Amino acid sequence: MLKREDALELLKNHVKSKNLIKHCLAVEVVMRALARRLGEDEELWGLAGLLHDLDYDYTKDDPQNHGFKTVELLKSYELPKPVLDAILAHCEKKEIVTTMEKAIYAADPVTGFIVAAALITPEKSLSVIDTDFLVRRFKEKLFAKGASREQMKSCEEFGLSLEEFLTLSLDAMRTINKELGL
């Protein structure tokens, strides 16, 4: 199986935007935290999170192929089918069925939402925001409007309340705050 270090190198070879790499790192760390919380395979979940937008530079003008191109790029690495299915599920290219698929579907937008919340503070830091702050921003429809509230609330499908999910995600992202620049 693809090792995390090799997956990160692969990501850096295919994704040129530093912000998108940071997003992938954030989704990875949230997926790992969710795997720990739910008693799942942290390595597999982390790989799905890290590689979920591997094809973005190739498909940003061709969104109907987003996800499919990643699976194609990863064919030679013989990743387990659940990882590839999760990658397809995050962008709704397959029915969302498994817990991992549900998790990545919710984790993808929550990372951007949390980054946006940190960036509106004077400190521009994850350390100054908390779950209550995030819940208040969640209720503001115009705040980070690109972060789907419906997707984030889907955390309830794998047994977490929105508050629990936001707390877990924020705590996970704080562990890599230097890499995220927050």
C-alpha atoms as a PDB file:
ATOM      1  CA  MET A   1       0.000   0.000   0.000  1.00  0.00           C
ATOM      2  CA  LEU A   2       1.054   3.578  -0.626  1.00  0.00           C
ATOM      3  CA  LYS A   3       2.864   5.039   2.367  1.00  0.00           C
ATOM      4  CA  ARG A   4       1.827   8.432   3.712  1.00  0.00           C
ATOM      5  CA  GLU A   5       5.173  10.053   2.783  1.00  0.00           C
ATOM      6  CA  ASP A   6       4.856   8.787  -0.794  1.00  0.00           C
ATOM      7  CA  ALA A   7       1.247   9.968  -0.976  1.00  0.00           C
ATOM      8  CA  LEU A   8       2.301  13.443   0.161  1.00  0.00           C
ATOM      9  CA  GLU A   9       5.030  13.534  -2.473  1.00  0.00           C
ATOM     10  CA  LEU A  10       2.519  12.426  -5.094  1.00  0.00           C
ATOM     11  CA  LEU A  11       0.149  15.194  -3.983  1.00  0.00           C
ATOM     12  CA  LYS A  12       2.898  17.810  -4.233  1.00  0.00           C
ATOM     13  CA  ASN A  13       3.801  16.575  -7.722  1.00  0.00           C
ATOM     14  CA  HIS A  14       0.238  16.920  -8.996  1.00  0.00           C
ATOM     15  CA  VAL A  15      -1.138  19.891  -7.039  1.00  0.00           C
ATOM     16  CA  LYS A  16       0.568  23.232  -7.539  1.00  0.00           C
ATOM     17  CA  SER A  17      -1.541  25.428  -5.227  1.00  0.00           C
ATOM     18  CA  LYS A  18      -0.125  25.679  -1.709  1.00  0.00           C
ATOM     19  CA  ASN A  19      -3.611  26.436  -0.391  1.00  0.00           C
ATOM     20  CA  LEU A  20      -5.027  23.291  -1.973  1.00  0.00           C
ATOM     21  CA  ILE A  21      -2.193  21.228  -0.478  1.00  0.00           C
ATOM     22  CA  LYS A  22      -3.042  22.755   2.910  1.00  0.00           C
ATOM     23  CA  HIS A  23      -6.692  21.844   2.331  1.00  0.00           C
ATOM     24  CA  CYS A  24      -5.723  18.232   1.590  1.00  0.00           C
ATOM     25  CA  LEU A  25      -3.563  18.123   4.735  1.00  0.00           C
ATOM     26  CA  ALA A  26      -6.503  19.459   6.751  1.00  0.00           C
ATOM     27  CA  VAL A  27      -8.913  16.883   5.326  1.00  0.00           C
ATOM     28  CA  GLU A  28      -6.321  14.175   6.042  1.00  0.00           C
ATOM     29  CA  VAL A  29      -5.957  15.148   9.699  1.00  0.00           C
ATOM     30  CA  VAL A  30      -9.733  15.396  10.170  1.00  0.00           C
ATOM     31  CA  MET A  31     -10.212  11.994   8.525  1.00  0.00           C
ATOM     32  CA  ARG A  32      -7.563  10.478  10.796  1.00  0.00           C
ATOM     33  CA  ALA A  33      -9.291  11.950  13.858  1.00  0.00           C
ATOM     34  CA  LEU A  34     -12.647  10.611  12.667  1.00  0.00           C
ATOM     35  CA  ALA A  35     -11.134   7.160  12.104  1.00  0.00           C
ATOM     36  CA  ARG A  36      -9.764   7.142  15.658  1.00  0.00           C
ATOM     37  CA  ARG A  37     -13.102   8.298  17.060  1.00  0.00           C
ATOM     38  CA  LEU A  38     -15.078   5.723  15.093  1.00  0.00           C
ATOM     39  CA  GLY A  39     -12.639   2.816  15.533  1.00  0.00           C
ATOM     40  CA  GLU A  40     -11.686   2.684  11.863  1.00  0.00           C
ATOM     41  CA  ASP A  41      -8.362   2.351   9.977  1.00  0.00           C
ATOM     42  CA  GLU A  42      -6.560   5.650  10.447  1.00  0.00           C
ATOM     43  CA  GLU A  43      -4.042   5.040   7.645  1.00  0.00           C
ATOM     44  CA  LEU A  44      -6.695   4.282   5.032  1.00  0.00           C
ATOM     45  CA  TRP A  45      -8.893   7.179   6.082  1.00  0.00           C
ATOM     46  CA  GLY A  46      -5.885   9.509   6.131  1.00  0.00           C
ATOM     47  CA  LEU A  47      -4.866   8.491   2.603  1.00  0.00           C
ATOM     48  CA  ALA A  48      -8.371   9.164   1.320  1.00  0.00           C
ATOM     49  CA  GLY A  49      -8.297  12.613   2.885  1.00  0.00           C
ATOM     50  CA  LEU A  50      -4.808  13.458   1.679  1.00  0.00           C
ATOM     51  CA  LEU A  51      -5.411  12.369  -1.911  1.00  0.00           C
ATOM     52  CA  HIS A  52      -9.071  13.344  -2.408  1.00  0.00           C
ATOM     53  CA  ASP A  53      -8.268  16.401  -4.570  1.00  0.00           C
ATOM     54  CA  LEU A  54      -5.201  14.986  -6.333  1.00  0.00           C
ATOM     55  CA  ASP A  55      -6.739  15.714  -9.739  1.00  0.00           C
ATOM     56  CA  TYR A  56      -7.930  19.249  -9.018  1.00  0.00           C
ATOM     57  CA  ASP A  57      -5.412  20.981 -11.311  1.00  0.00           C
ATOM     58  CA  TYR A  58      -6.482  18.684 -14.145  1.00  0.00           C
ATOM     59  CA  THR A  59     -10.221  18.948 -13.589  1.00  0.00           C
ATOM     60  CA  LYS A  60     -10.867  22.472 -12.273  1.00  0.00           C
ATOM     61  CA  ASP A  61     -12.261  23.385 -15.702  1.00  0.00           C
ATOM     62  CA  ASP A  62     -13.767  19.918 -16.177  1.00  0.00           C
ATOM     63  CA  PRO A  63     -15.601  19.226 -12.881  1.00  0.00           C
ATOM     64  CA  GLN A  64     -17.531  16.244 -14.195  1.00  0.00           C
ATOM     65  CA  ASN A  65     -14.218  14.339 -14.237  1.00  0.00           C
ATOM     66  CA  HIS A  66     -13.145  15.417 -10.719  1.00  0.00           C
ATOM     67  CA  GLY A  67     -12.573  12.268  -8.700  1.00  0.00           C
ATOM     68  CA  PHE A  68     -12.452   9.990 -11.735  1.00  0.00           C
ATOM     69  CA  LYS A  69      -9.086  11.448 -12.779  1.00  0.00           C
ATOM     70  CA  THR A  70      -7.736  10.898  -9.249  1.00  0.00           C
ATOM     71  CA  VAL A  71      -8.762   7.242  -9.363  1.00  0.00           C
ATOM     72  CA  GLU A  72      -7.049   6.957 -12.749  1.00  0.00           C
ATOM     73  CA  LEU A  73      -3.863   8.608 -11.399  1.00  0.00           C
ATOM     74  CA  LEU A  74      -3.841   6.198  -8.450  1.00  0.00           C
ATOM     75  CA  LYS A  75      -4.446   2.955 -10.417  1.00  0.00           C
ATOM     76  CA  SER A  76      -0.811   1.849 -10.382  1.00  0.00           C
ATOM     77  CA  TYR A  77      -0.587   2.289  -6.592  1.00  0.00           C
ATOM     78  CA  GLU A  78      -3.113  -0.487  -5.894  1.00  0.00           C
ATOM     79  CA  LEU A  79      -4.934   1.401  -3.162  1.00  0.00           C
ATOM     80  CA  PRO A  80      -7.785  -0.456  -1.481  1.00  0.00           C
ATOM     81  CA  LYS A  81     -11.170   0.051  -3.112  1.00  0.00           C
ATOM     82  CA  PRO A  82     -12.641   1.794  -0.022  1.00  0.00           C
ATOM     83  CA  VAL A  83     -10.078   4.610  -0.403  1.00  0.00           C
ATOM     84  CA  LEU A  84     -10.885   5.070  -4.090  1.00  0.00           C
ATOM     85  CA  ASP A  85     -14.617   4.905  -3.370  1.00  0.00           C
ATOM     86  CA  ALA A  86     -14.261   7.572  -0.669  1.00  0.00           C
ATOM     87  CA  ILE A  87     -12.439   9.819  -3.141  1.00  0.00           C
ATOM     88  CA  LEU A  88     -15.290   9.402  -5.604  1.00  0.00           C
ATOM     89  CA  ALA A  89     -17.894   9.909  -2.888  1.00  0.00           C
ATOM     90  CA  HIS A  90     -16.467  13.204  -1.652  1.00  0.00           C
ATOM     91  CA  CYS A  91     -17.443  14.827  -4.963  1.00  0.00           C
ATOM     92  CA  GLU A  92     -20.632  12.799  -5.335  1.00  0.00           C
ATOM     93  CA  LYS A  93     -19.359  10.639  -8.199  1.00  0.00           C
ATOM     94  CA  LYS A  94     -20.728   7.567  -6.465  1.00  0.00           C
ATOM     95  CA  GLU A  95     -23.483   6.898  -3.987  1.00  0.00           C
ATOM     96  CA  ILE A  96     -22.334   7.678  -0.450  1.00  0.00           C
ATOM     97  CA  VAL A  97     -22.760   4.446   1.488  1.00  0.00           C
ATOM     98  CA  THR A  98     -19.900   3.546   3.841  1.00  0.00           C
ATOM     99  CA  THR A  99     -18.863   5.358   6.977  1.00  0.00           C
ATOM    100  CA  MET A 100     -15.605   6.448   5.325  1.00  0.00           C
ATOM    101  CA  GLU A 101     -17.520   7.885   2.374  1.00  0.00           C
ATOM    102  CA  LYS A 102     -19.872   9.737   4.705  1.00  0.00           C
ATOM    103  CA  ALA A 103     -16.920  11.041   6.709  1.00  0.00           C
ATOM    104  CA  ILE A 104     -14.989  12.462   3.765  1.00  0.00           C
ATOM    105  CA  TYR A 105     -18.160  14.008   2.361  1.00  0.00           C
ATOM    106  CA  ALA A 106     -18.544  15.954   5.627  1.00  0.00           C
ATOM    107  CA  ALA A 107     -14.818  16.564   6.234  1.00  0.00           C
ATOM    108  CA  ASP A 108     -14.152  18.206   2.867  1.00  0.00           C
ATOM    109  CA  PRO A 109     -16.232  21.360   3.465  1.00  0.00           C
ATOM    110  CA  VAL A 110     -15.644  21.599   7.221  1.00  0.00           C
ATOM    111  CA  THR A 111     -11.934  22.265   6.759  1.00  0.00           C
ATOM    112  CA  GLY A 112     -12.557  25.252   4.514  1.00  0.00           C
ATOM    113  CA  PHE A 113     -15.232  26.492   6.890  1.00  0.00           C
ATOM    114  CA  ILE A 114     -12.844  26.342   9.848  1.00  0.00           C
ATOM    115  CA  VAL A 115     -10.062  28.076   7.892  1.00  0.00           C
ATOM    116  CA  ALA A 116     -12.492  30.857   6.924  1.00  0.00           C
ATOM    117  CA  ALA A 117     -13.496  31.250  10.577  1.00  0.00           C
ATOM    118  CA  ALA A 118      -9.863  31.551  11.667  1.00  0.00           C
ATOM    119  CA  LEU A 119      -9.114  34.073   8.936  1.00  0.00           C
ATOM    120  CA  ILE A 120     -11.821  36.512  10.069  1.00  0.00           C
ATOM    121  CA  THR A 121     -10.191  36.882  13.488  1.00  0.00           C
ATOM    122  CA  PRO A 122      -7.527  39.564  13.998  1.00  0.00           C
ATOM    123  CA  GLU A 123      -5.018  36.832  14.943  1.00  0.00           C
ATOM    124  CA  LYS A 124      -5.828  34.671  11.904  1.00  0.00           C
ATOM    125  CA  SER A 125      -5.295  31.647  14.081  1.00  0.00           C
ATOM    126  CA  LEU A 126      -7.070  28.407  14.953  1.00  0.00           C
ATOM    127  CA  SER A 127      -6.110  28.922  18.589  1.00  0.00           C
ATOM    128  CA  VAL A 128      -8.538  31.829  19.072  1.00  0.00           C
ATOM    129  CA  ILE A 129     -11.688  30.167  17.762  1.00  0.00           C
ATOM    130  CA  ASP A 130     -13.828  27.596  19.520  1.00  0.00           C
ATOM    131  CA  THR A 131     -16.864  25.450  18.829  1.00  0.00           C
ATOM    132  CA  ASP A 132     -19.326  28.153  19.907  1.00  0.00           C
ATOM    133  CA  PHE A 133     -17.713  30.593  17.471  1.00  0.00           C
ATOM    134  CA  LEU A 134     -17.994  28.004  14.685  1.00  0.00           C
ATOM    135  CA  VAL A 135     -21.643  27.234  15.493  1.00  0.00           C
ATOM    136  CA  ARG A 136     -22.494  30.943  15.346  1.00  0.00           C
ATOM    137  CA  ARG A 137     -20.745  31.266  11.956  1.00  0.00           C
ATOM    138  CA  PHE A 138     -22.499  28.099  10.760  1.00  0.00           C
ATOM    139  CA  LYS A 139     -25.850  29.824  11.255  1.00  0.00           C
ATOM    140  CA  GLU A 140     -24.755  32.783   9.083  1.00  0.00           C
ATOM    141  CA  LYS A 141     -25.761  31.734   5.578  1.00  0.00           C
ATOM    142  CA  LEU A 142     -23.430  34.209   3.866  1.00  0.00           C
ATOM    143  CA  PHE A 143     -20.354  33.266   5.894  1.00  0.00           C
ATOM    144  CA  ALA A 144     -18.131  30.833   3.955  1.00  0.00           C
ATOM    145  CA  LYS A 145     -21.099  30.175   1.699  1.00  0.00           C
ATOM    146  CA  GLY A 146     -19.039  27.776  -0.439  1.00  0.00           C
ATOM    147  CA  ALA A 147     -18.803  25.387   2.516  1.00  0.00           C
ATOM    148  CA  SER A 148     -21.955  23.291   2.256  1.00  0.00           C
ATOM    149  CA  ARG A 149     -23.864  23.302   5.526  1.00  0.00           C
ATOM    150  CA  GLU A 150     -25.785  20.253   4.318  1.00  0.00           C
ATOM    151  CA  GLN A 151     -22.556  18.292   3.814  1.00  0.00           C
ATOM    152  CA  MET A 152     -21.192  19.307   7.201  1.00  0.00           C
ATOM    153  CA  LYS A 153     -24.462  18.390   8.947  1.00  0.00           C
ATOM    154  CA  SER A 154     -24.272  14.960   7.316  1.00  0.00           C
ATOM    155  CA  CYS A 155     -21.880  14.126  10.189  1.00  0.00           C
ATOM    156  CA  GLU A 156     -25.025  13.003  11.991  1.00  0.00           C
ATOM    157  CA  GLU A 157     -25.153  10.041   9.582  1.00  0.00           C
ATOM    158  CA  PHE A 158     -22.018   8.630  11.204  1.00  0.00           C
ATOM    159  CA  GLY A 159     -23.077   9.382  14.748  1.00  0.00           C
ATOM    160  CA  LEU A 160     -21.681  12.832  15.576  1.00  0.00           C
ATOM    161  CA  SER A 161     -23.648  15.948  16.358  1.00  0.00           C
ATOM    162  CA  LEU A 162     -22.622  19.066  14.467  1.00  0.00           C
ATOM    163  CA  GLU A 163     -20.992  20.435  17.634  1.00  0.00           C
ATOM    164  CA  GLU A 164     -19.004  17.222  18.182  1.00  0.00           C
ATOM    165  CA  PHE A 165     -17.917  17.205  14.544  1.00  0.00           C
ATOM    166  CA  LEU A 166     -16.834  20.847  14.603  1.00  0.00           C
ATOM    167  CA  THR A 167     -14.906  20.301  17.847  1.00  0.00           C
ATOM    168  CA  LEU A 168     -13.177  17.164  16.568  1.00  0.00           C
ATOM    169  CA  SER A 169     -12.297  18.866  13.269  1.00  0.00           C
ATOM    170  CA  LEU A 170     -10.980  22.038  14.921  1.00  0.00           C
ATOM    171  CA  ASP A 171      -8.912  20.043  17.418  1.00  0.00           C
ATOM    172  CA  ALA A 172      -7.472  17.915  14.616  1.00  0.00           C
ATOM    173  CA  MET A 173      -6.574  20.933  12.500  1.00  0.00           C
ATOM    174  CA  ARG A 174      -4.875  22.599  15.466  1.00  0.00           C
ATOM    175  CA  THR A 175      -2.373  19.712  15.525  1.00  0.00           C
ATOM    176  CA  ILE A 176      -1.046  20.909  12.145  1.00  0.00           C
ATOM    177  CA  ASN A 177      -1.581  24.649  12.609  1.00  0.00           C
ATOM    178  CA  LYS A 178       1.988  25.448  11.492  1.00  0.00           C
ATOM    179  CA  GLU A 179       1.573  23.542   8.216  1.00  0.00           C
ATOM    180  CA  LEU A 180      -1.740  25.311   7.683  1.00  0.00           C
ATOM    181  CA  GLY A 181      -0.249  28.709   8.517  1.00  0.00           C
ATOM    182  CA  LEU A 182      -2.935  29.230  11.162  1.00  0.00           C
END
